Amino acid sequence: MACSCGKSYIVNSGDTLAIIAERQLGNGSRWKEITKPNCTPFTEDEARRLQPGDEVCLPDGSTPTPPPAPPVSGSFADIVSSQTYQNMFPNRDSLYTYEGLVTAAGKYPNFCNQGTDIQRKREAAAFLANIAHETSGLKYIEELACIDGGCEATYCDRNNTTYPCVSGRSYHGRGPMQLSWNYNYGAAGQALGVDLLSNPDLVKTDGAIAFSTGLWFWMTPQSPKPSCHAVMSGGWTPSPDDTNKGRTPGFGMTINIINGGLECGQATNDKVERRVSFYREFCQLVGVSADDNVYCNNMRPYG
């Protein structure tokens, strides 16, 4: 069927609507302007099932637009635009603004800025997929069971004298990566120059701080675990012991780092499938294929 409106384009291997929009329209976020030959829009499910040889229709006047000015915060904003972020998280809480995320990314210049272009895009998708799972699409700013209090003792390690608990403060899960425990609040706060031991609620009231704690966890190795950043950017080489335990670079390894004790080294459960589903969807939205090692059922979790 020839296009009854616009300009005909035949889908090539590896194409997604976002990639086609980036190449033909000059902006990947314009993918929703591309229609089927009968001029009806693609649903998100139809867009995911696009096949080589399919015909799509580009809008009239599809001359590439001038490229946007380089983002001031570095590579992350170049990979994930404001519109793409909106498409990923249409029902997010107001805490999780795009501007807050870009500000936080600027504090970690190596985030999505090491490795190949493919690795950089996959890292962005992997980070966003994991926080999407942790917060049900960035809907939740703190652990639901602790909203009304009563968690002060639950997440306080009183044996940790480096980052001692402050009386009356609760260190339950908050923010995009659900930062938990006094030692994590203390270490993250020290890295960011913010007293999160005394003011843990900053993680649920200040968007830039919230995202900064998530990126602190993502970028910081916690021995014997590598950082999620190193795993996705090509900066981690498994040791012989890691290899024997099935640990390989890729999205699955980020799951092992974040919550391997409950999700890895066992039959794949719904939580893992949800993370993988987000990852594959977000990879498509940033114009890259997902890596092959997305599961962790054959990986031994860390003790």
Protein backbone atom coordinates (compact mmCIF):
# COMPACT_ATOMS: atom_id res chain seq x y z
CA MET A 1 0.00 0.00 0.00
CA ALA A 2 1.44 3.36 -1.04
CA CYS A 3 1.33 6.21 1.44
CA SER A 4 -1.88 8.17 1.05
CA CYS A 5 -0.28 11.04 2.89
CA GLY A 6 3.29 12.16 3.37
CA LYS A 7 6.44 10.51 2.06
CA SER A 8 6.96 6.75 1.85
CA TYR A 9 9.82 5.11 3.78
CA ILE A 10 10.68 1.39 3.85
CA VAL A 11 11.89 0.13 7.23
CA ASN A 12 15.45 -1.25 7.29
CA SER A 13 16.97 -3.79 9.65
CA GLY A 14 17.63 -2.20 13.04
CA ASP A 15 15.21 0.67 12.46
CA THR A 16 12.85 1.88 15.14
CA LEU A 17 10.46 4.80 14.73
CA ALA A 18 12.76 6.85 16.95
CA ILE A 19 15.78 6.07 14.76
CA ILE A 20 13.81 6.85 11.58
CA ALA A 21 12.62 10.15 13.08
CA GLU A 22 16.16 11.07 14.10
CA ARG A 23 17.55 10.40 10.61
CA GLN A 24 14.68 11.64 8.47
CA LEU A 25 13.09 14.35 10.62
CA GLY A 26 16.13 15.49 12.55
CA ASN A 27 14.68 14.68 15.98
CA GLY A 28 14.02 11.22 17.40
CA SER A 29 11.27 12.54 19.66
CA ARG A 30 9.15 13.25 16.54
CA TRP A 31 8.51 9.52 16.00
CA LYS A 32 4.82 9.92 16.79
CA GLU A 33 4.45 12.04 13.62
CA ILE A 34 5.26 8.96 11.53
CA THR A 35 2.12 7.11 10.46
CA LYS A 36 1.00 3.89 8.83
CA PRO A 37 0.29 3.99 5.06
CA ASN A 38 -3.40 4.71 5.77
CA CYS A 39 -2.36 7.82 7.74
CA THR A 40 -3.34 6.41 11.14
CA PRO A 41 -0.79 6.71 13.97
CA PHE A 42 1.15 3.79 15.38
CA THR A 43 0.26 2.53 18.83
CA GLU A 44 3.23 1.88 21.10
CA ASP A 45 2.67 -1.87 20.69
CA GLU A 46 2.66 -1.55 16.89
CA ALA A 47 5.81 0.57 17.03
CA ARG A 48 7.59 -2.16 19.01
CA ARG A 49 6.60 -4.77 16.39
CA LEU A 50 7.97 -2.84 13.41
CA GLN A 51 9.66 -5.18 10.91
CA PRO A 52 12.17 -4.67 8.04
CA GLY A 53 10.26 -4.16 4.79
CA ASP A 54 7.29 -2.44 6.43
CA GLU A 55 6.22 0.83 4.87
CA VAL A 56 5.73 3.92 7.01
CA CYS A 57 4.81 7.46 6.08
CA LEU A 58 6.87 10.49 6.97
CA PRO A 59 5.14 13.85 7.38
CA ASP A 60 5.39 16.37 4.55
CA GLY A 61 8.27 18.77 4.90
CA SER A 62 10.49 16.13 6.49
CA THR A 63 13.72 17.96 5.81
CA PRO A 64 15.97 17.48 8.83
CA THR A 65 15.72 20.31 11.32
CA PRO A 66 18.87 22.00 12.61
CA PRO A 67 20.48 20.05 15.44
CA PRO A 68 19.81 21.38 18.94
CA ALA A 69 22.48 23.23 20.84
CA PRO A 70 24.82 20.94 22.79
CA PRO A 71 23.36 20.23 26.24
CA VAL A 72 25.10 22.02 29.05
CA SER A 73 25.03 18.98 31.33
CA GLY A 74 26.84 16.56 29.04
CA SER A 75 26.00 13.35 27.32
CA PHE A 76 22.91 12.16 29.19
CA ALA A 77 20.73 15.02 27.96
CA ASP A 78 22.04 14.39 24.46
CA ILE A 79 20.76 10.79 24.64
CA VAL A 80 17.49 11.35 26.51
CA SER A 81 15.58 14.46 25.50
CA SER A 82 12.86 16.06 27.58
CA GLN A 83 10.21 14.63 25.25
CA THR A 84 11.70 11.13 25.40
CA TYR A 85 11.72 11.34 29.20
CA GLN A 86 8.06 12.37 29.11
CA ASN A 87 7.28 9.38 26.89
CA MET A 88 9.07 7.08 29.34
CA PHE A 89 7.42 8.45 32.48
CA PRO A 90 4.07 10.03 31.61
CA ASN A 91 2.63 9.49 35.10
CA ARG A 92 5.66 10.41 37.22
CA ASP A 93 5.48 12.24 40.54
CA SER A 94 6.23 15.96 40.34
CA LEU A 95 9.46 15.37 42.32
CA TYR A 96 11.04 13.65 39.34
CA THR A 97 11.51 16.51 36.87
CA TYR A 98 13.66 16.21 33.77
CA GLU A 99 15.57 19.27 34.89
CA GLY A 100 16.37 17.64 38.23
CA LEU A 101 17.68 14.55 36.46
CA VAL A 102 19.84 16.57 34.08
CA THR A 103 21.23 18.59 37.00
CA ALA A 104 22.10 15.39 38.85
CA ALA A 105 23.70 13.87 35.74
CA GLY A 106 25.93 16.94 35.50
CA LYS A 107 27.49 15.97 38.84
CA TYR A 108 28.64 12.67 37.34
CA PRO A 109 30.32 13.59 34.03
CA ASN A 110 31.24 9.96 33.27
CA PHE A 111 27.60 8.87 33.39
CA CYS A 112 26.59 7.90 29.83
CA ASN A 113 29.89 9.39 28.65
CA GLN A 114 32.23 6.40 28.52
CA GLY A 115 32.42 3.51 26.07
CA THR A 116 30.88 3.38 22.61
CA ASP A 117 27.75 5.25 21.54
CA ILE A 118 25.84 1.97 21.86
CA GLN A 119 27.12 1.46 25.41
CA ARG A 120 26.28 5.04 26.35
CA LYS A 121 22.70 4.70 25.16
CA ARG A 122 22.31 1.31 26.81
CA GLU A 123 23.59 2.74 30.08
CA ALA A 124 20.96 5.49 29.98
CA ALA A 125 18.24 2.93 29.26
CA ALA A 126 19.52 0.60 31.99
CA PHE A 127 19.58 3.29 34.68
CA LEU A 128 16.12 4.53 33.78
CA ALA A 129 14.73 0.99 33.56
CA ASN A 130 15.93 0.12 37.04
CA ILE A 131 14.54 3.29 38.63
CA ALA A 132 11.29 2.74 36.73
CA HIS A 133 11.00 -0.67 38.37
CA GLU A 134 11.96 0.60 41.82
CA THR A 135 9.30 3.34 41.76
CA SER A 136 6.59 1.91 39.47
CA GLY A 137 7.39 4.37 36.71
CA LEU A 138 8.63 7.15 39.02
CA LYS A 139 5.22 7.30 40.73
CA TYR A 140 6.52 6.76 44.26
CA ILE A 141 8.96 8.95 46.16
CA GLU A 142 9.32 6.75 49.24
CA GLU A 143 8.67 3.27 50.56
CA LEU A 144 4.92 2.91 50.90
CA ALA A 145 5.06 0.90 54.13
CA CYS A 146 6.93 3.73 55.86
CA ILE A 147 4.92 6.77 54.79
CA ASP A 148 3.08 6.92 58.12
CA GLY A 149 6.23 6.30 60.20
CA GLY A 150 7.31 3.34 62.25
CA CYS A 151 10.42 2.50 60.22
CA GLU A 152 13.01 4.32 62.33
CA ALA A 153 14.49 1.10 63.73
CA THR A 154 14.02 -0.99 60.59
CA TYR A 155 16.80 0.58 58.54
CA CYS A 156 19.20 1.63 61.30
CA ASP A 157 22.45 -0.31 61.62
CA ARG A 158 23.57 0.75 65.09
CA ASN A 159 26.85 -1.09 64.66
CA ASN A 160 27.86 1.37 61.94
CA THR A 161 29.71 4.12 63.75
CA THR A 162 30.94 5.83 60.59
CA TYR A 163 27.44 6.94 59.71
CA PRO A 164 25.47 6.71 62.97
CA CYS A 165 21.70 7.01 62.99
CA VAL A 166 20.27 10.33 64.10
CA SER A 167 17.52 10.06 66.69
CA GLY A 168 14.06 10.46 65.23
CA ARG A 169 15.19 9.96 61.64
CA SER A 170 14.11 7.09 59.40
CA TYR A 171 16.35 5.73 56.67
CA HIS A 172 13.73 3.84 54.70
CA GLY A 173 13.66 3.75 50.92
CA ARG A 174 13.37 7.14 49.24
CA GLY A 175 14.05 8.52 45.79
CA PRO A 176 14.40 6.85 42.38
CA MET A 177 16.74 4.07 43.59
CA GLN A 178 14.97 3.77 46.96
CA LEU A 179 18.04 4.70 49.00
CA SER A 180 17.91 2.75 52.28
CA TRP A 181 19.89 2.31 55.54
CA ASN A 182 21.85 4.89 57.49
CA TYR A 183 25.21 3.87 56.01
CA ASN A 184 23.95 4.54 52.48
CA TYR A 185 22.38 7.87 53.44
CA GLY A 186 25.63 8.82 55.15
CA ALA A 187 27.92 7.79 52.30
CA ALA A 188 25.72 9.33 49.62
CA GLY A 189 25.39 12.55 51.58
CA GLN A 190 29.14 12.74 52.08
CA ALA A 191 29.72 12.28 48.34
CA LEU A 192 27.14 14.93 47.47
CA GLY A 193 28.07 17.41 50.19
CA VAL A 194 24.64 17.17 51.86
CA ASP A 195 23.87 16.01 55.40
CA LEU A 196 21.40 13.26 54.59
CA LEU A 197 21.78 11.58 57.97
CA SER A 198 20.18 14.61 59.62
CA ASN A 199 17.91 15.43 56.68
CA PRO A 200 16.93 12.18 54.93
CA ASP A 201 13.67 13.71 53.71
CA LEU A 202 15.66 15.82 51.24
CA VAL A 203 15.69 12.68 49.07
CA LYS A 204 11.91 12.95 48.69
CA THR A 205 11.57 16.75 48.53
CA ASP A 206 14.45 17.90 46.29
CA GLY A 207 14.42 16.37 42.81
CA ALA A 208 18.07 17.03 42.02
CA ILE A 209 19.16 15.47 45.32
CA ALA A 210 16.83 12.53 44.77
CA PHE A 211 18.31 11.76 41.36
CA SER A 212 21.83 12.43 42.67
CA THR A 213 21.43 9.67 45.25
CA GLY A 214 20.31 7.29 42.53
CA LEU A 215 23.32 8.18 40.41
CA TRP A 216 25.62 7.90 43.43
CA PHE A 217 24.48 4.30 43.84
CA TRP A 218 24.79 3.67 40.09
CA MET A 219 28.29 5.12 39.76
CA THR A 220 29.88 3.90 43.00
CA PRO A 221 31.41 0.40 43.30
CA GLN A 222 30.72 -1.29 46.62
CA SER A 223 33.27 -4.07 46.91
CA PRO A 224 33.11 -6.85 45.90
CA LYS A 225 30.45 -5.51 43.55
CA PRO A 226 31.49 -3.35 40.59
CA SER A 227 29.47 -0.25 39.82
CA CYS A 228 26.49 -0.49 37.51
CA HIS A 229 28.18 2.21 35.42
CA ALA A 230 31.29 0.09 34.88
CA VAL A 231 29.18 -2.92 33.94
CA MET A 232 27.24 -1.02 31.25
CA SER A 233 30.08 1.16 29.91
CA GLY A 234 32.66 -1.55 29.33
CA GLY A 235 34.79 -0.65 32.34
CA TRP A 236 34.37 -3.96 34.18
CA THR A 237 36.13 -7.22 33.33
CA PRO A 238 34.82 -10.23 35.27
CA SER A 239 37.38 -12.02 37.41
CA PRO A 240 37.78 -15.80 37.03
CA ASP A 241 35.61 -16.14 40.14
CA ASP A 242 32.92 -13.91 38.60
CA THR A 243 33.01 -15.98 35.42
CA ASN A 244 32.63 -19.19 37.38
CA LYS A 245 29.58 -17.67 39.07
CA GLY A 246 27.98 -16.65 35.78
CA ARG A 247 28.49 -12.91 36.21
CA THR A 248 28.82 -11.21 32.84
CA PRO A 249 28.59 -7.58 31.69
CA GLY A 250 25.14 -6.45 30.63
CA PHE A 251 21.80 -5.39 32.02
CA GLY A 252 21.38 -8.60 34.02
CA MET A 253 24.46 -7.76 36.03
CA THR A 254 22.94 -4.43 37.10
CA ILE A 255 20.03 -6.39 38.57
CA ASN A 256 22.51 -8.56 40.46
CA ILE A 257 24.22 -5.48 41.88
CA ILE A 258 20.97 -3.78 42.89
CA ASN A 259 18.93 -6.67 44.24
CA GLY A 260 20.63 -9.94 43.36
CA GLY A 261 19.83 -11.65 46.63
CA LEU A 262 16.12 -11.61 45.83
CA GLU A 263 16.12 -11.65 42.03
CA CYS A 264 19.16 -13.54 40.73
CA GLY A 265 20.50 -17.09 40.84
CA GLN A 266 16.98 -18.51 40.61
CA ALA A 267 14.19 -18.96 38.09
CA THR A 268 13.39 -15.61 36.53
CA ASN A 269 10.61 -13.93 38.51
CA ASP A 270 8.13 -11.18 37.69
CA LYS A 271 10.36 -8.48 39.16
CA VAL A 272 13.19 -9.33 36.78
CA GLU A 273 10.81 -9.55 33.83
CA ARG A 274 9.51 -6.08 34.71
CA ARG A 275 13.01 -4.62 34.78
CA VAL A 276 13.84 -6.26 31.45
CA SER A 277 10.61 -5.02 29.89
CA PHE A 278 11.41 -1.44 30.89
CA TYR A 279 14.97 -1.84 29.60
CA ARG A 280 13.93 -3.10 26.19
CA GLU A 281 11.28 -0.39 25.83
CA PHE A 282 13.70 2.37 26.83
CA CYS A 283 16.42 1.04 24.52
CA GLN A 284 13.98 1.43 21.66
CA LEU A 285 13.13 4.96 22.72
CA VAL A 286 16.80 6.03 22.70
CA GLY A 287 17.47 4.25 19.41
CA VAL A 288 19.58 1.25 20.36
CA SER A 289 19.12 -2.51 20.62
CA ALA A 290 19.18 -4.18 24.03
CA ASP A 291 22.21 -6.28 24.91
CA ASP A 292 22.00 -10.08 25.04
CA ASN A 293 22.72 -10.53 28.77
CA VAL A 294 19.54 -9.09 30.21
CA TYR A 295 18.75 -11.85 32.74
CA CYS A 296 20.51 -12.96 35.91
CA ASN A 297 18.98 -16.36 36.65
CA ASN A 298 22.35 -18.04 36.01
CA MET A 299 24.31 -15.49 38.06
CA ARG A 300 25.20 -16.21 41.66
CA PRO A 301 24.21 -13.24 43.82
CA TYR A 302 26.70 -11.62 46.15
CA GLY A 303 26.75 -12.78 49.75
